[in-house]
Amino acid sequence: MKERPSLSIVVPVFRCGDSLQELVRRVKTATAPVAAPLEILLVDDACPHGSWAKIESLQKEHDEVSGIRLAQNGGQAGAIAEGIARARHARVLVLDGDLQDPPERIPDFVEAAAANGWDIVFGDRAERGHSRFRKLLSAGYRTLAPVLGMPDMRRYGSFTLLTRRAVEAYLRRPERRCLFITTLSWL
């Protein structure tokens, strides 16, 4: 049997409380063969839609679940940064709470990092379900990225895995509360 690395899952929660029960179930099933121990950090980004009550309930049902309640909404990047700062394990995986990122792919991330010695593994989104406004912002990023000397990260969302070494580098960056994927591209 292969050694299973410890794994922290960071989930920013805003307007996705209804999917959390299913998310936790699927994460636990997907990670059982590849990670031990496991912690699932559900970061309530001051969501006004009752997410905290659902997180509290999940904490009672599942030993692996810990809730983090932010006092004010700092956006997804702020919720991710807070979750990463509190993650305890050797690997940290960031996963959207709305099930847009399939938990069943988590073993692929863990195995890719281990097999290749990678400190960061990015999930490549084949399809994106974003609004017109978000697509317009993405087009602006596509135009500015080459001018600013940044890699084109538009294909990637927050679905990423970081080793402890990458986590420590991320936490040293003063601008980590800006767009998460952009911060990772700098690393």
Protein backbone atom coordinates (compact mmCIF):
# COMPACT_ATOMS: atom_id res chain seq x y z
CA MET A 1 0.00 0.00 0.00
CA LYS A 2 1.32 3.44 -0.97
CA GLU A 3 1.85 6.03 1.73
CA ARG A 4 -1.03 8.51 1.73
CA PRO A 5 -0.09 12.15 2.36
CA SER A 6 -2.05 14.23 4.82
CA LEU A 7 -4.42 16.60 3.05
CA SER A 8 -6.28 19.81 3.90
CA ILE A 9 -9.16 20.81 1.64
CA VAL A 10 -9.97 24.55 1.68
CA VAL A 11 -13.45 25.48 0.47
CA PRO A 12 -14.49 29.15 0.23
CA VAL A 13 -18.23 29.29 0.95
CA PHE A 14 -20.48 32.01 -0.43
CA ARG A 15 -23.93 31.29 -1.85
CA CYS A 16 -23.26 27.57 -2.05
CA GLY A 17 -24.52 26.30 1.31
CA ASP A 18 -26.99 23.93 -0.30
CA SER A 19 -24.19 21.95 -1.96
CA LEU A 20 -21.99 21.51 1.14
CA GLN A 21 -23.47 18.21 2.40
CA GLU A 22 -22.92 16.63 -1.03
CA LEU A 23 -19.49 18.22 -1.33
CA VAL A 24 -18.29 16.78 1.99
CA ARG A 25 -19.64 13.33 1.10
CA ARG A 26 -17.92 13.34 -2.29
CA VAL A 27 -14.63 14.73 -0.91
CA LYS A 28 -14.46 12.03 1.74
CA THR A 29 -15.17 9.30 -0.81
CA ALA A 30 -12.65 10.66 -3.35
CA THR A 31 -9.83 11.18 -0.86
CA ALA A 32 -10.12 7.93 1.11
CA PRO A 33 -7.68 6.00 -1.14
CA VAL A 34 -5.12 8.81 -1.50
CA ALA A 35 -4.98 10.92 1.66
CA ALA A 36 -4.83 10.43 5.42
CA PRO A 37 -5.46 12.23 7.64
CA LEU A 38 -7.92 14.60 6.03
CA GLU A 39 -9.31 17.97 7.10
CA ILE A 40 -11.99 19.92 5.25
CA LEU A 41 -11.93 23.63 6.04
CA LEU A 42 -15.20 25.33 5.09
CA VAL A 43 -14.58 29.08 5.08
CA ASP A 44 -17.83 31.06 5.38
CA ASP A 45 -17.10 34.35 3.63
CA ALA A 46 -19.77 36.20 5.65
CA CYS A 47 -22.44 34.68 3.43
CA PRO A 48 -25.90 36.12 4.25
CA HIS A 49 -27.70 32.96 3.08
CA GLY A 50 -27.43 30.73 6.15
CA SER A 51 -24.24 28.91 5.18
CA TRP A 52 -22.81 29.09 8.70
CA ALA A 53 -25.64 27.01 10.18
CA LYS A 54 -24.98 24.34 7.55
CA ILE A 55 -21.26 24.40 8.30
CA GLU A 56 -21.93 24.02 12.03
CA SER A 57 -24.13 21.03 11.32
CA LEU A 58 -21.46 19.42 9.12
CA GLN A 59 -18.85 19.94 11.87
CA LYS A 60 -21.04 17.91 14.23
CA GLU A 61 -21.57 15.13 11.67
CA HIS A 62 -17.99 14.79 10.36
CA ASP A 63 -14.78 14.84 12.40
CA GLU A 64 -12.87 15.97 9.30
CA VAL A 65 -14.87 19.20 8.90
CA SER A 66 -13.85 22.49 10.52
CA GLY A 67 -15.63 25.75 9.94
CA ILE A 68 -14.04 29.17 9.72
CA ARG A 69 -16.42 32.12 9.92
CA LEU A 70 -15.17 35.41 8.56
CA ALA A 71 -16.58 38.58 10.13
CA GLN A 72 -16.90 40.35 6.80
CA ASN A 73 -16.92 39.41 3.16
CA GLY A 74 -13.41 39.67 1.76
CA GLY A 75 -14.09 37.91 -1.51
CA GLN A 76 -13.00 34.48 -2.62
CA ALA A 77 -9.28 35.30 -2.46
CA GLY A 78 -9.59 36.41 1.17
CA ALA A 79 -11.51 33.26 2.13
CA ILE A 80 -8.95 31.08 0.37
CA ALA A 81 -6.05 32.92 2.04
CA GLU A 82 -7.63 32.44 5.49
CA GLY A 83 -8.23 28.75 4.84
CA ILE A 84 -4.69 28.16 3.58
CA ALA A 85 -3.26 30.00 6.59
CA ARG A 86 -5.13 27.62 8.91
CA ALA A 87 -4.51 24.40 6.95
CA ARG A 88 -2.38 21.93 8.92
CA HIS A 89 -1.46 19.17 6.49
CA ALA A 90 1.34 18.37 4.02
CA ARG A 91 -0.81 19.13 0.99
CA VAL A 92 -3.53 21.76 0.63
CA LEU A 93 -6.17 21.57 -2.07
CA VAL A 94 -8.49 24.49 -2.85
CA LEU A 95 -11.91 23.53 -4.14
CA ASP A 96 -14.97 25.65 -4.99
CA GLY A 97 -17.97 24.96 -2.77
CA ASP A 98 -20.54 24.92 -5.58
CA LEU A 99 -19.35 21.54 -6.99
CA GLN A 100 -18.13 23.22 -10.18
CA ASP A 101 -14.82 21.49 -9.40
CA PRO A 102 -15.45 17.73 -9.23
CA PRO A 103 -14.07 16.24 -5.99
CA GLU A 104 -13.55 12.97 -7.84
CA ARG A 105 -10.52 14.58 -9.53
CA ILE A 106 -8.69 15.13 -6.22
CA PRO A 107 -6.73 11.85 -6.54
CA ASP A 108 -5.39 13.08 -9.91
CA PHE A 109 -3.96 16.18 -8.18
CA VAL A 110 -2.40 14.20 -5.34
CA GLU A 111 -0.89 11.64 -7.71
CA ALA A 112 0.42 14.28 -10.16
CA ALA A 113 2.18 16.17 -7.37
CA ALA A 114 3.73 12.98 -5.97
CA ALA A 115 4.75 11.47 -9.31
CA ASN A 116 6.29 14.64 -10.73
CA GLY A 117 7.57 16.39 -7.62
CA TRP A 118 5.39 19.41 -8.36
CA ASP A 119 4.69 21.94 -5.63
CA ILE A 120 1.59 23.33 -7.36
CA VAL A 121 -0.91 21.44 -9.51
CA PHE A 122 -3.48 23.51 -11.42
CA GLY A 123 -6.86 22.20 -12.51
CA ASP A 124 -7.52 23.01 -16.17
CA ARG A 125 -11.17 23.85 -16.76
CA ALA A 126 -12.42 22.62 -20.09
CA GLU A 127 -15.74 24.42 -19.63
CA ARG A 128 -16.61 27.51 -17.67
CA GLY A 129 -20.06 28.54 -16.54
CA HIS A 130 -19.38 32.22 -15.96
CA SER A 131 -21.52 35.30 -16.56
CA ARG A 132 -20.95 37.71 -19.43
CA PHE A 133 -19.38 40.20 -17.01
CA ARG A 134 -16.85 37.63 -15.79
CA LYS A 135 -16.06 36.68 -19.40
CA LEU A 136 -15.49 40.37 -20.17
CA LEU A 137 -13.05 40.61 -17.25
CA SER A 138 -11.29 37.52 -18.56
CA ALA A 139 -10.91 39.15 -21.97
CA GLY A 140 -9.35 42.19 -20.29
CA TYR A 141 -6.94 39.92 -18.42
CA ARG A 142 -6.05 38.19 -21.71
CA THR A 143 -5.10 41.60 -23.13
CA LEU A 144 -3.13 42.82 -20.11
CA ALA A 145 -1.33 39.63 -19.07
CA PRO A 146 1.30 39.71 -21.86
CA VAL A 147 1.90 43.44 -21.32
CA LEU A 148 2.49 42.82 -17.61
CA GLY A 149 4.69 39.80 -18.28
CA MET A 150 2.25 37.39 -16.63
CA PRO A 151 1.37 33.91 -17.85
CA ASP A 152 -2.10 33.36 -19.27
CA MET A 153 -3.96 31.78 -16.34
CA ARG A 154 -7.52 32.21 -17.66
CA ARG A 155 -8.03 28.47 -18.11
CA TYR A 156 -7.49 27.88 -14.43
CA GLY A 157 -9.77 28.44 -11.49
CA SER A 158 -9.10 28.04 -7.82
CA PHE A 159 -9.04 24.21 -8.09
CA THR A 160 -5.39 23.69 -7.18
CA LEU A 161 -3.14 21.60 -4.97
CA LEU A 162 -0.18 23.05 -3.08
CA THR A 163 2.53 21.24 -1.18
CA ARG A 164 3.56 22.58 2.22
CA ARG A 165 6.53 24.26 0.51
CA ALA A 166 4.18 26.14 -1.85
CA VAL A 167 1.87 27.02 1.06
CA GLU A 168 4.76 28.58 2.98
CA ALA A 169 5.81 30.59 -0.09
CA TYR A 170 2.21 31.70 -0.64
CA LEU A 171 1.85 32.81 2.98
CA ARG A 172 5.01 34.95 2.70
CA ARG A 173 3.52 37.01 -0.16
CA PRO A 174 2.05 40.31 1.06
CA GLU A 175 -0.48 40.47 -1.80
CA ARG A 176 -2.02 37.04 -1.24
CA ARG A 177 -5.49 38.52 -0.84
CA CYS A 178 -5.55 39.52 -4.51
CA LEU A 179 -6.73 37.07 -7.17
CA PHE A 180 -5.64 33.63 -5.92
CA ILE A 181 -4.62 32.18 -9.27
CA THR A 182 -2.55 35.28 -10.08
CA THR A 183 -0.66 34.96 -6.81
CA LEU A 184 0.08 31.31 -7.64
CA SER A 185 1.32 32.27 -11.11
CA TRP A 186 3.90 34.52 -9.45
CA LEU A 187 5.07 31.61 -7.29
